[in-house]
Amino acid sequence: MPINSKQRAQLRGLANTIDTTIYVGKGGVTEGVITQLNEELTQREIIKGKVQENAMLTAREACDALAEATKSEAVQVIGSKFVLYRHNPKLEKEKRIQLVK
């Protein structure tokens, strides 16, 4: 389900308060990174990641590849950081992100 611009703005605001948990290094987008990202998205719905300087990918390339591999939405890419979102209907109601309509 694609997100609209108001929802994207809401998610960008939420991403300001979270820490970076996914790092893409010189190995690029590996199975290990994808597995870790899938687990994080299942628990939190929104994840902030960073592409290390020695990586052969740009943040946009890494974000797009990870979004496709995890069936998530790319929310934002700034510099070497990116934000991904994937709705999880099985998450407890208190922890679920309520997007604006």
PDB file of N, CA and C in Angstrom:
ATOM      1  N   MET A   1       0.840  -1.175   0.000  1.00  0.00           N
ATOM      2  CA  MET A   1       0.000   0.000   0.000  1.00  0.00           C
ATOM      3  C   MET A   1       0.887   1.241   0.000  1.00  0.00           C
ATOM      4  N   PRO A   2       0.887   2.016  -1.074  1.00  0.00           N
ATOM      5  CA  PRO A   2       1.714   3.226  -1.124  1.00  0.00           C
ATOM      6  C   PRO A   2       1.233   4.267  -0.112  1.00  0.00           C
ATOM      7  N   ILE A   3       2.182   5.012   0.411  1.00  0.00           N
ATOM      8  CA  ILE A   3       1.840   6.058   1.375  1.00  0.00           C
ATOM      9  C   ILE A   3       1.782   7.400   0.656  1.00  0.00           C
ATOM     10  N   ASN A   4       0.904   8.280   1.140  1.00  0.00           N
ATOM     11  CA  ASN A   4       0.778   9.592   0.501  1.00  0.00           C
ATOM     12  C   ASN A   4       1.718  10.601   1.164  1.00  0.00           C
ATOM     13  N   SER A   5       1.716  11.834   0.683  1.00  0.00           N
ATOM     14  CA  SER A   5       2.673  12.833   1.160  1.00  0.00           C
ATOM     15  C   SER A   5       2.452  13.220   2.625  1.00  0.00           C
ATOM     16  N   LYS A   6       1.211  13.259   3.076  1.00  0.00           N
ATOM     17  CA  LYS A   6       0.948  13.583   4.489  1.00  0.00           C
ATOM     18  C   LYS A   6       1.434  12.467   5.401  1.00  0.00           C
ATOM     19  N   GLN A   7       1.227  11.237   4.983  1.00  0.00           N
ATOM     20  CA  GLN A   7       1.708  10.104   5.764  1.00  0.00           C
ATOM     21  C   GLN A   7       3.240  10.071   5.779  1.00  0.00           C
ATOM     22  N   ARG A   8       3.846  10.385   4.633  1.00  0.00           N
ATOM     23  CA  ARG A   8       5.305  10.433   4.528  1.00  0.00           C
ATOM     24  C   ARG A   8       5.861  11.496   5.479  1.00  0.00           C
ATOM     25  N   ALA A   9       5.212  12.653   5.543  1.00  0.00           N
ATOM     26  CA  ALA A   9       5.641  13.727   6.446  1.00  0.00           C
ATOM     27  C   ALA A   9       5.520  13.284   7.903  1.00  0.00           C
ATOM     28  N   GLN A  10       4.443  12.583   8.229  1.00  0.00           N
ATOM     29  CA  GLN A  10       4.254  12.076   9.591  1.00  0.00           C
ATOM     30  C   GLN A  10       5.364  11.090   9.947  1.00  0.00           C
ATOM     31  N   LEU A  11       5.693  10.194   9.025  1.00  0.00           N
ATOM     32  CA  LEU A  11       6.731   9.201   9.272  1.00  0.00           C
ATOM     33  C   LEU A  11       8.113   9.842   9.381  1.00  0.00           C
ATOM     34  N   ARG A  12       8.363  10.885   8.593  1.00  0.00           N
ATOM     35  CA  ARG A  12       9.639  11.597   8.702  1.00  0.00           C
ATOM     36  C   ARG A  12       9.791  12.218  10.084  1.00  0.00           C
ATOM     37  N   GLY A  13       8.700  12.762  10.615  1.00  0.00           N
ATOM     38  CA  GLY A  13       8.720  13.333  11.957  1.00  0.00           C
ATOM     39  C   GLY A  13       8.993  12.273  13.017  1.00  0.00           C
ATOM     40  N   LEU A  14       8.378  11.109  12.877  1.00  0.00           N
ATOM     41  CA  LEU A  14       8.628  10.013  13.818  1.00  0.00           C
ATOM     42  C   LEU A  14      10.072   9.524  13.735  1.00  0.00           C
ATOM     43  N   ALA A  15      10.630   9.542  12.533  1.00  0.00           N
ATOM     44  CA  ALA A  15      11.998   9.047  12.334  1.00  0.00           C
ATOM     45  C   ALA A  15      13.033   9.941  12.997  1.00  0.00           C
ATOM     46  N   ASN A  16      12.700  11.207  13.230  1.00  0.00           N
ATOM     47  CA  ASN A  16      13.655  12.111  13.882  1.00  0.00           C
ATOM     48  C   ASN A  16      14.020  11.648  15.282  1.00  0.00           C
ATOM     49  N   THR A  17      13.119  10.955  15.940  1.00  0.00           N
ATOM     50  CA  THR A  17      13.345  10.588  17.337  1.00  0.00           C
ATOM     51  C   THR A  17      13.944   9.193  17.516  1.00  0.00           C
ATOM     52  N   ILE A  18      14.081   8.418  16.435  1.00  0.00           N
ATOM     53  CA  ILE A  18      14.609   7.064  16.585  1.00  0.00           C
ATOM     54  C   ILE A  18      16.093   7.018  16.227  1.00  0.00           C
ATOM     55  N   ASP A  19      16.771   6.016  16.763  1.00  0.00           N
ATOM     56  CA  ASP A  19      18.192   5.828  16.493  1.00  0.00           C
ATOM     57  C   ASP A  19      18.390   4.974  15.248  1.00  0.00           C
ATOM     58  N   THR A  20      19.562   5.125  14.649  1.00  0.00           N
ATOM     59  CA  THR A  20      19.931   4.314  13.497  1.00  0.00           C
ATOM     60  C   THR A  20      20.208   2.889  13.963  1.00  0.00           C
ATOM     61  N   THR A  21      19.561   1.910  13.329  1.00  0.00           N
ATOM     62  CA  THR A  21      19.740   0.526  13.748  1.00  0.00           C
ATOM     63  C   THR A  21      20.277  -0.378  12.641  1.00  0.00           C
ATOM     64  N   ILE A  22      20.206   0.053  11.393  1.00  0.00           N
ATOM     65  CA  ILE A  22      20.677  -0.759  10.271  1.00  0.00           C
ATOM     66  C   ILE A  22      21.851  -0.042   9.604  1.00  0.00           C
ATOM     67  N   TYR A  23      22.930  -0.782   9.409  1.00  0.00           N
ATOM     68  CA  TYR A  23      24.111  -0.223   8.746  1.00  0.00           C
ATOM     69  C   TYR A  23      24.455  -1.067   7.533  1.00  0.00           C
ATOM     70  N   VAL A  24      24.662  -0.391   6.387  1.00  0.00           N
ATOM     71  CA  VAL A  24      25.060  -1.065   5.162  1.00  0.00           C
ATOM     72  C   VAL A  24      26.528  -0.729   4.944  1.00  0.00           C
ATOM     73  N   GLY A  25      27.372  -1.755   4.942  1.00  0.00           N
ATOM     74  CA  GLY A  25      28.807  -1.568   4.798  1.00  0.00           C
ATOM     75  C   GLY A  25      29.294  -1.870   3.405  1.00  0.00           C
ATOM     76  N   LYS A  26      30.602  -2.178   3.309  1.00  0.00           N
ATOM     77  CA  LYS A  26      31.184  -2.410   1.993  1.00  0.00           C
ATOM     78  C   LYS A  26      30.660  -3.682   1.326  1.00  0.00           C
ATOM     79  N   GLY A  27      30.061  -4.575   2.111  1.00  0.00           N
ATOM     80  CA  GLY A  27      29.457  -5.775   1.537  1.00  0.00           C
ATOM     81  C   GLY A  27      28.164  -5.482   0.801  1.00  0.00           C
ATOM     82  N   GLY A  28      27.612  -4.292   1.009  1.00  0.00           N
ATOM     83  CA  GLY A  28      26.377  -3.899   0.335  1.00  0.00           C
ATOM     84  C   GLY A  28      25.147  -4.493   0.998  1.00  0.00           C
ATOM     85  N   VAL A  29      24.112  -4.700   0.215  1.00  0.00           N
ATOM     86  CA  VAL A  29      22.848  -5.254   0.703  1.00  0.00           C
ATOM     87  C   VAL A  29      22.978  -6.773   0.707  1.00  0.00           C
ATOM     88  N   THR A  30      23.303  -7.334   1.868  1.00  0.00           N
ATOM     89  CA  THR A  30      23.512  -8.771   2.004  1.00  0.00           C
ATOM     90  C   THR A  30      22.279  -9.424   2.618  1.00  0.00           C
ATOM     91  N   GLU A  31      22.256 -10.747   2.602  1.00  0.00           N
ATOM     92  CA  GLU A  31      21.145 -11.486   3.216  1.00  0.00           C
ATOM     93  C   GLU A  31      21.051 -11.174   4.708  1.00  0.00           C
ATOM     94  N   GLY A  32      22.199 -11.001   5.355  1.00  0.00           N
ATOM     95  CA  GLY A  32      22.213 -10.671   6.782  1.00  0.00           C
ATOM     96  C   GLY A  32      21.542  -9.339   7.070  1.00  0.00           C
ATOM     97  N   VAL A  33      21.811  -8.350   6.235  1.00  0.00           N
ATOM     98  CA  VAL A  33      21.196  -7.030   6.404  1.00  0.00           C
ATOM     99  C   VAL A  33      19.687  -7.126   6.170  1.00  0.00           C
ATOM    100  N   ILE A  34      19.292  -7.867   5.156  1.00  0.00           N
ATOM    101  CA  ILE A  34      17.868  -8.017   4.836  1.00  0.00           C
ATOM    102  C   ILE A  34      17.138  -8.738   5.966  1.00  0.00           C
ATOM    103  N   THR A  35      17.747  -9.792   6.498  1.00  0.00           N
ATOM    104  CA  THR A  35      17.143 -10.545   7.603  1.00  0.00           C
ATOM    105  C   THR A  35      16.980  -9.662   8.830  1.00  0.00           C
ATOM    106  N   GLN A  36      18.037  -8.917   9.172  1.00  0.00           N
ATOM    107  CA  GLN A  36      17.971  -8.023  10.324  1.00  0.00           C
ATOM    108  C   GLN A  36      16.899  -6.957  10.119  1.00  0.00           C
ATOM    109  N   LEU A  37      16.838  -6.390   8.923  1.00  0.00           N
ATOM    110  CA  LEU A  37      15.857  -5.355   8.623  1.00  0.00           C
ATOM    111  C   LEU A  37      14.438  -5.910   8.719  1.00  0.00           C
ATOM    112  N   ASN A  38      14.201  -7.112   8.197  1.00  0.00           N
ATOM    113  CA  ASN A  38      12.873  -7.726   8.294  1.00  0.00           C
ATOM    114  C   ASN A  38      12.443  -7.889   9.742  1.00  0.00           C
ATOM    115  N   GLU A  39      13.353  -8.345  10.599  1.00  0.00           N
ATOM    116  CA  GLU A  39      13.041  -8.515  12.017  1.00  0.00           C
ATOM    117  C   GLU A  39      12.722  -7.177  12.677  1.00  0.00           C
ATOM    118  N   GLU A  40      13.522  -6.156  12.376  1.00  0.00           N
ATOM    119  CA  GLU A  40      13.314  -4.830  12.960  1.00  0.00           C
ATOM    120  C   GLU A  40      11.977  -4.228  12.501  1.00  0.00           C
ATOM    121  N   LEU A  41      11.674  -4.362  11.214  1.00  0.00           N
ATOM    122  CA  LEU A  41      10.417  -3.808  10.692  1.00  0.00           C
ATOM    123  C   LEU A  41       9.207  -4.520  11.288  1.00  0.00           C
ATOM    124  N   THR A  42       9.325  -5.809  11.551  1.00  0.00           N
ATOM    125  CA  THR A  42       8.227  -6.559  12.157  1.00  0.00           C
ATOM    126  C   THR A  42       7.954  -6.059  13.572  1.00  0.00           C
ATOM    127  N   GLN A  43       8.999  -5.692  14.287  1.00  0.00           N
ATOM    128  CA  GLN A  43       8.843  -5.242  15.670  1.00  0.00           C
ATOM    129  C   GLN A  43       8.489  -3.762  15.789  1.00  0.00           C
ATOM    130  N   ARG A  44       8.992  -2.929  14.872  1.00  0.00           N
ATOM    131  CA  ARG A  44       8.874  -1.479  15.053  1.00  0.00           C
ATOM    132  C   ARG A  44       8.130  -0.727  13.956  1.00  0.00           C
ATOM    133  N   GLU A  45       7.986  -1.294  12.792  1.00  0.00           N
ATOM    134  CA  GLU A  45       7.340  -0.682  11.621  1.00  0.00           C
ATOM    135  C   GLU A  45       8.186   0.386  10.939  1.00  0.00           C
ATOM    136  N   ILE A  46       8.991   1.148  11.658  1.00  0.00           N
ATOM    137  CA  ILE A  46       9.798   2.202  11.045  1.00  0.00           C
ATOM    138  C   ILE A  46      11.251   2.043  11.502  1.00  0.00           C
ATOM    139  N   ILE A  47      12.167   2.151  10.540  1.00  0.00           N
ATOM    140  CA  ILE A  47      13.586   1.911  10.792  1.00  0.00           C
ATOM    141  C   ILE A  47      14.415   2.996  10.120  1.00  0.00           C
ATOM    142  N   LYS A  48      15.461   3.416  10.818  1.00  0.00           N
ATOM    143  CA  LYS A  48      16.418   4.348  10.242  1.00  0.00           C
ATOM    144  C   LYS A  48      17.707   3.582   9.977  1.00  0.00           C
ATOM    145  N   GLY A  49      18.264   3.760   8.785  1.00  0.00           N
ATOM    146  CA  GLY A  49      19.498   3.081   8.417  1.00  0.00           C
ATOM    147  C   GLY A  49      20.536   4.049   7.916  1.00  0.00           C
ATOM    148  N   LYS A  50      21.775   3.563   7.836  1.00  0.00           N
ATOM    149  CA  LYS A  50      22.881   4.398   7.369  1.00  0.00           C
ATOM    150  C   LYS A  50      23.781   3.578   6.466  1.00  0.00           C
ATOM    151  N   VAL A  51      24.277   4.222   5.410  1.00  0.00           N
ATOM    152  CA  VAL A  51      25.234   3.597   4.506  1.00  0.00           C
ATOM    153  C   VAL A  51      26.614   4.118   4.905  1.00  0.00           C
ATOM    154  N   GLN A  52      27.511   3.188   5.225  1.00  0.00           N
ATOM    155  CA  GLN A  52      28.862   3.553   5.630  1.00  0.00           C
ATOM    156  C   GLN A  52      29.635   4.152   4.459  1.00  0.00           C
ATOM    157  N   GLU A  53      30.684   4.923   4.764  1.00  0.00           N
ATOM    158  CA  GLU A  53      31.471   5.588   3.724  1.00  0.00           C
ATOM    159  C   GLU A  53      32.161   4.604   2.785  1.00  0.00           C
ATOM    160  N   ASN A  54      32.542   3.429   3.295  1.00  0.00           N
ATOM    161  CA  ASN A  54      33.261   2.472   2.463  1.00  0.00           C
ATOM    162  C   ASN A  54      32.342   1.604   1.603  1.00  0.00           C
ATOM    163  N   ALA A  55      31.043   1.817   1.671  1.00  0.00           N
ATOM    164  CA  ALA A  55      30.089   1.042   0.868  1.00  0.00           C
ATOM    165  C   ALA A  55      30.148   1.485  -0.592  1.00  0.00           C
ATOM    166  N   MET A  56      29.879   0.549  -1.470  1.00  0.00           N
ATOM    167  CA  MET A  56      29.898   0.836  -2.903  1.00  0.00           C
ATOM    168  C   MET A  56      28.549   1.340  -3.418  1.00  0.00           C
ATOM    169  N   LEU A  57      27.584   1.506  -2.515  1.00  0.00           N
ATOM    170  CA  LEU A  57      26.245   1.971  -2.880  1.00  0.00           C
ATOM    171  C   LEU A  57      26.001   3.371  -2.335  1.00  0.00           C
ATOM    172  N   THR A  58      25.127   4.104  -2.997  1.00  0.00           N
ATOM    173  CA  THR A  58      24.648   5.358  -2.422  1.00  0.00           C
ATOM    174  C   THR A  58      23.509   5.018  -1.461  1.00  0.00           C
ATOM    175  N   ALA A  59      23.129   5.961  -0.641  1.00  0.00           N
ATOM    176  CA  ALA A  59      22.023   5.736   0.289  1.00  0.00           C
ATOM    177  C   ALA A  59      20.730   5.470  -0.480  1.00  0.00           C
ATOM    178  N   ARG A  60      20.506   6.139  -1.589  1.00  0.00           N
ATOM    179  CA  ARG A  60      19.306   5.939  -2.406  1.00  0.00           C
ATOM    180  C   ARG A  60      19.269   4.523  -2.971  1.00  0.00           C
ATOM    181  N   GLU A  61      20.400   4.050  -3.493  1.00  0.00           N
ATOM    182  CA  GLU A  61      20.457   2.706  -4.058  1.00  0.00           C
ATOM    183  C   GLU A  61      20.207   1.647  -2.978  1.00  0.00           C
ATOM    184  N   ALA A  62      20.835   1.825  -1.820  1.00  0.00           N
ATOM    185  CA  ALA A  62      20.655   0.882  -0.714  1.00  0.00           C
ATOM    186  C   ALA A  62      19.212   0.896  -0.226  1.00  0.00           C
ATOM    187  N   CYS A  63      18.638   2.079  -0.081  1.00  0.00           N
ATOM    188  CA  CYS A  63      17.262   2.213   0.387  1.00  0.00           C
ATOM    189  C   CYS A  63      16.292   1.536  -0.580  1.00  0.00           C
ATOM    190  N   ASP A  64      16.454   1.787  -1.860  1.00  0.00           N
ATOM    191  CA  ASP A  64      15.573   1.183  -2.863  1.00  0.00           C
ATOM    192  C   ASP A  64      15.712  -0.334  -2.880  1.00  0.00           C
ATOM    193  N   ALA A  65      16.938  -0.843  -2.795  1.00  0.00           N
ATOM    194  CA  ALA A  65      17.165  -2.290  -2.803  1.00  0.00           C
ATOM    195  C   ALA A  65      16.560  -2.938  -1.559  1.00  0.00           C
ATOM    196  N   LEU A  66      16.744  -2.313  -0.401  1.00  0.00           N
ATOM    197  CA  LEU A  66      16.199  -2.863   0.837  1.00  0.00           C
ATOM    198  C   LEU A  66      14.676  -2.784   0.858  1.00  0.00           C
ATOM    199  N   ALA A  67      14.116  -1.697   0.339  1.00  0.00           N
ATOM    200  CA  ALA A  67      12.654  -1.556   0.286  1.00  0.00           C
ATOM    201  C   ALA A  67      12.043  -2.651  -0.588  1.00  0.00           C
ATOM    202  N   GLU A  68      12.679  -2.929  -1.698  1.00  0.00           N
ATOM    203  CA  GLU A  68      12.178  -3.974  -2.591  1.00  0.00           C
ATOM    204  C   GLU A  68      12.322  -5.353  -1.949  1.00  0.00           C
ATOM    205  N   ALA A  69      13.455  -5.605  -1.302  1.00  0.00           N
ATOM    206  CA  ALA A  69      13.716  -6.912  -0.699  1.00  0.00           C
ATOM    207  C   ALA A  69      12.807  -7.195   0.493  1.00  0.00           C
ATOM    208  N   THR A  70      12.403  -6.151   1.215  1.00  0.00           N
ATOM    209  CA  THR A  70      11.584  -6.339   2.421  1.00  0.00           C
ATOM    210  C   THR A  70      10.126  -5.959   2.217  1.00  0.00           C
ATOM    211  N   LYS A  71       9.767  -5.548   1.010  1.00  0.00           N
ATOM    212  CA  LYS A  71       8.402  -5.107   0.693  1.00  0.00           C
ATOM    213  C   LYS A  71       7.960  -3.981   1.625  1.00  0.00           C
ATOM    214  N   SER A  72       8.856  -3.005   1.790  1.00  0.00           N
ATOM    215  CA  SER A  72       8.575  -1.847   2.633  1.00  0.00           C
ATOM    216  C   SER A  72       8.569  -0.583   1.776  1.00  0.00           C
ATOM    217  N   GLU A  73       8.247   0.540   2.399  1.00  0.00           N
ATOM    218  CA  GLU A  73       8.185   1.825   1.705  1.00  0.00           C
ATOM    219  C   GLU A  73       9.386   2.678   2.081  1.00  0.00           C
ATOM    220  N   ALA A  74      10.050   3.249   1.083  1.00  0.00           N
ATOM    221  CA  ALA A  74      11.116   4.210   1.335  1.00  0.00           C
ATOM    222  C   ALA A  74      10.457   5.528   1.735  1.00  0.00           C
ATOM    223  N   VAL A  75      10.768   6.018   2.918  1.00  0.00           N
ATOM    224  CA  VAL A  75      10.160   7.245   3.424  1.00  0.00           C
ATOM    225  C   VAL A  75      11.027   8.446   3.094  1.00  0.00           C
ATOM    226  N   GLN A  76      12.343   8.311   3.330  1.00  0.00           N
ATOM    227  CA  GLN A  76      13.220   9.469   3.207  1.00  0.00           C
ATOM    228  C   GLN A  76      14.657   9.007   3.016  1.00  0.00           C
ATOM    229  N   VAL A  77      15.415   9.769   2.212  1.00  0.00           N
ATOM    230  CA  VAL A  77      16.856   9.573   2.088  1.00  0.00           C
ATOM    231  C   VAL A  77      17.498  10.940   2.193  1.00  0.00           C
ATOM    232  N   ILE A  78      18.376  11.104   3.175  1.00  0.00           N
ATOM    233  CA  ILE A  78      19.117  12.357   3.345  1.00  0.00           C
ATOM    234  C   ILE A  78      20.570  11.997   3.608  1.00  0.00           C
ATOM    235  N   GLY A  79      21.456  12.469   2.744  1.00  0.00           N
ATOM    236  CA  GLY A  79      22.878  12.176   2.912  1.00  0.00           C
ATOM    237  C   GLY A  79      23.117  10.683   2.866  1.00  0.00           C
ATOM    238  N   SER A  80      23.685  10.148   3.944  1.00  0.00           N
ATOM    239  CA  SER A  80      23.968   8.709   3.993  1.00  0.00           C
ATOM    240  C   SER A  80      22.916   7.946   4.795  1.00  0.00           C
ATOM    241  N   LYS A  81      21.859   8.627   5.236  1.00  0.00           N
ATOM    242  CA  LYS A  81      20.825   7.973   6.050  1.00  0.00           C
ATOM    243  C   LYS A  81      19.529   7.805   5.255  1.00  0.00           C
ATOM    244  N   PHE A  82      18.776   6.784   5.653  1.00  0.00           N
ATOM    245  CA  PHE A  82      17.493   6.516   5.006  1.00  0.00           C
ATOM    246  C   PHE A  82      16.508   5.989   6.036  1.00  0.00           C
ATOM    247  N   VAL A  83      15.214   6.102   5.696  1.00  0.00           N
ATOM    248  CA  VAL A  83      14.146   5.639   6.582  1.00  0.00           C
ATOM    249  C   VAL A  83      13.216   4.740   5.778  1.00  0.00           C
ATOM    250  N   LEU A  84      12.871   3.578   6.369  1.00  0.00           N
ATOM    251  CA  LEU A  84      11.956   2.634   5.747  1.00  0.00           C
ATOM    252  C   LEU A  84      10.778   2.377   6.676  1.00  0.00           C
ATOM    253  N   TYR A  85       9.603   2.122   6.084  1.00  0.00           N
ATOM    254  CA  TYR A  85       8.382   1.844   6.849  1.00  0.00           C
ATOM    255  C   TYR A  85       7.669   0.650   6.239  1.00  0.00           C
ATOM    256  N   ARG A  86       7.159  -0.228   7.110  1.00  0.00           N
ATOM    257  CA  ARG A  86       6.306  -1.334   6.674  1.00  0.00           C
ATOM    258  C   ARG A  86       5.242  -1.556   7.739  1.00  0.00           C
ATOM    259  N   HIS A  87       3.982  -1.452   7.341  1.00  0.00           N
ATOM    260  CA  HIS A  87       2.863  -1.653   8.260  1.00  0.00           C
ATOM    261  C   HIS A  87       2.829  -3.099   8.724  1.00  0.00           C
ATOM    262  N   ASN A  88       2.562  -3.305  10.007  1.00  0.00           N
ATOM    263  CA  ASN A  88       2.440  -4.647  10.576  1.00  0.00           C
ATOM    264  C   ASN A  88       1.118  -4.741  11.322  1.00  0.00           C
ATOM    265  N   PRO A  89       0.088  -5.325  10.704  1.00  0.00           N
ATOM    266  CA  PRO A  89      -1.221  -5.396  11.359  1.00  0.00           C
ATOM    267  C   PRO A  89      -1.240  -6.316  12.585  1.00  0.00           C
ATOM    268  N   LYS A  90      -0.245  -7.190  12.730  1.00  0.00           N
ATOM    269  CA  LYS A  90      -0.205  -8.113  13.864  1.00  0.00           C
ATOM    270  C   LYS A  90       0.454  -7.505  15.099  1.00  0.00           C
ATOM    271  N   LEU A  91       0.999  -6.306  14.957  1.00  0.00           N
ATOM    272  CA  LEU A  91       1.649  -5.643  16.084  1.00  0.00           C
ATOM    273  C   LEU A  91       0.601  -5.204  17.096  1.00  0.00           C
ATOM    274  N   GLU A  92       0.970  -5.194  18.380  1.00  0.00           N
ATOM    275  CA  GLU A  92       0.042  -4.750  19.420  1.00  0.00           C
ATOM    276  C   GLU A  92      -0.461  -3.350  19.097  1.00  0.00           C
ATOM    277  N   LYS A  93      -1.702  -3.085  19.403  1.00  0.00           N
ATOM    278  CA  LYS A  93      -2.334  -1.825  19.024  1.00  0.00           C
ATOM    279  C   LYS A  93      -1.593  -0.613  19.576  1.00  0.00           C
ATOM    280  N   GLU A  94      -1.039  -0.718  20.798  1.00  0.00           N
ATOM    281  CA  GLU A  94      -0.343   0.417  21.408  1.00  0.00           C
ATOM    282  C   GLU A  94       0.963   0.739  20.674  1.00  0.00           C
ATOM    283  N   LYS A  95       1.590  -0.261  20.074  1.00  0.00           N
ATOM    284  CA  LYS A  95       2.874  -0.071  19.411  1.00  0.00           C
ATOM    285  C   LYS A  95       2.735   0.253  17.930  1.00  0.00           C
ATOM    286  N   ARG A  96       1.557   0.059  17.373  1.00  0.00           N
ATOM    287  CA  ARG A  96       1.323   0.283  15.956  1.00  0.00           C
ATOM    288  C   ARG A  96       1.295   1.773  15.636  1.00  0.00           C
ATOM    289  N   ILE A  97       1.863   2.146  14.519  1.00  0.00           N
ATOM    290  CA  ILE A  97       1.853   3.539  14.081  1.00  0.00           C
ATOM    291  C   ILE A  97       0.522   3.821  13.386  1.00  0.00           C
ATOM    292  N   GLN A  98      -0.175   4.848  13.857  1.00  0.00           N
ATOM    293  CA  GLN A  98      -1.459   5.238  13.262  1.00  0.00           C
ATOM    294  C   GLN A  98      -1.202   6.352  12.236  1.00  0.00           C
ATOM    295  N   LEU A  99      -1.303   6.020  10.966  1.00  0.00           N
ATOM    296  CA  LEU A  99      -1.070   6.993   9.915  1.00  0.00           C
ATOM    297  C   LEU A  99      -2.313   7.857   9.678  1.00  0.00           C
ATOM    298  N   VAL A 100      -2.072   9.119   9.309  1.00  0.00           N
ATOM    299  CA  VAL A 100      -3.186   9.995   8.971  1.00  0.00           C
ATOM    300  C   VAL A 100      -3.799   9.512   7.667  1.00  0.00           C
ATOM    301  N   LYS A 101      -5.053   9.818   7.439  1.00  0.00           N
ATOM    302  CA  LYS A 101      -5.751   9.363   6.232  1.00  0.00           C
ATOM    303  C   LYS A 101      -5.509  10.303   5.071  1.00  0.00           C
TER     304      LYS A 101
END
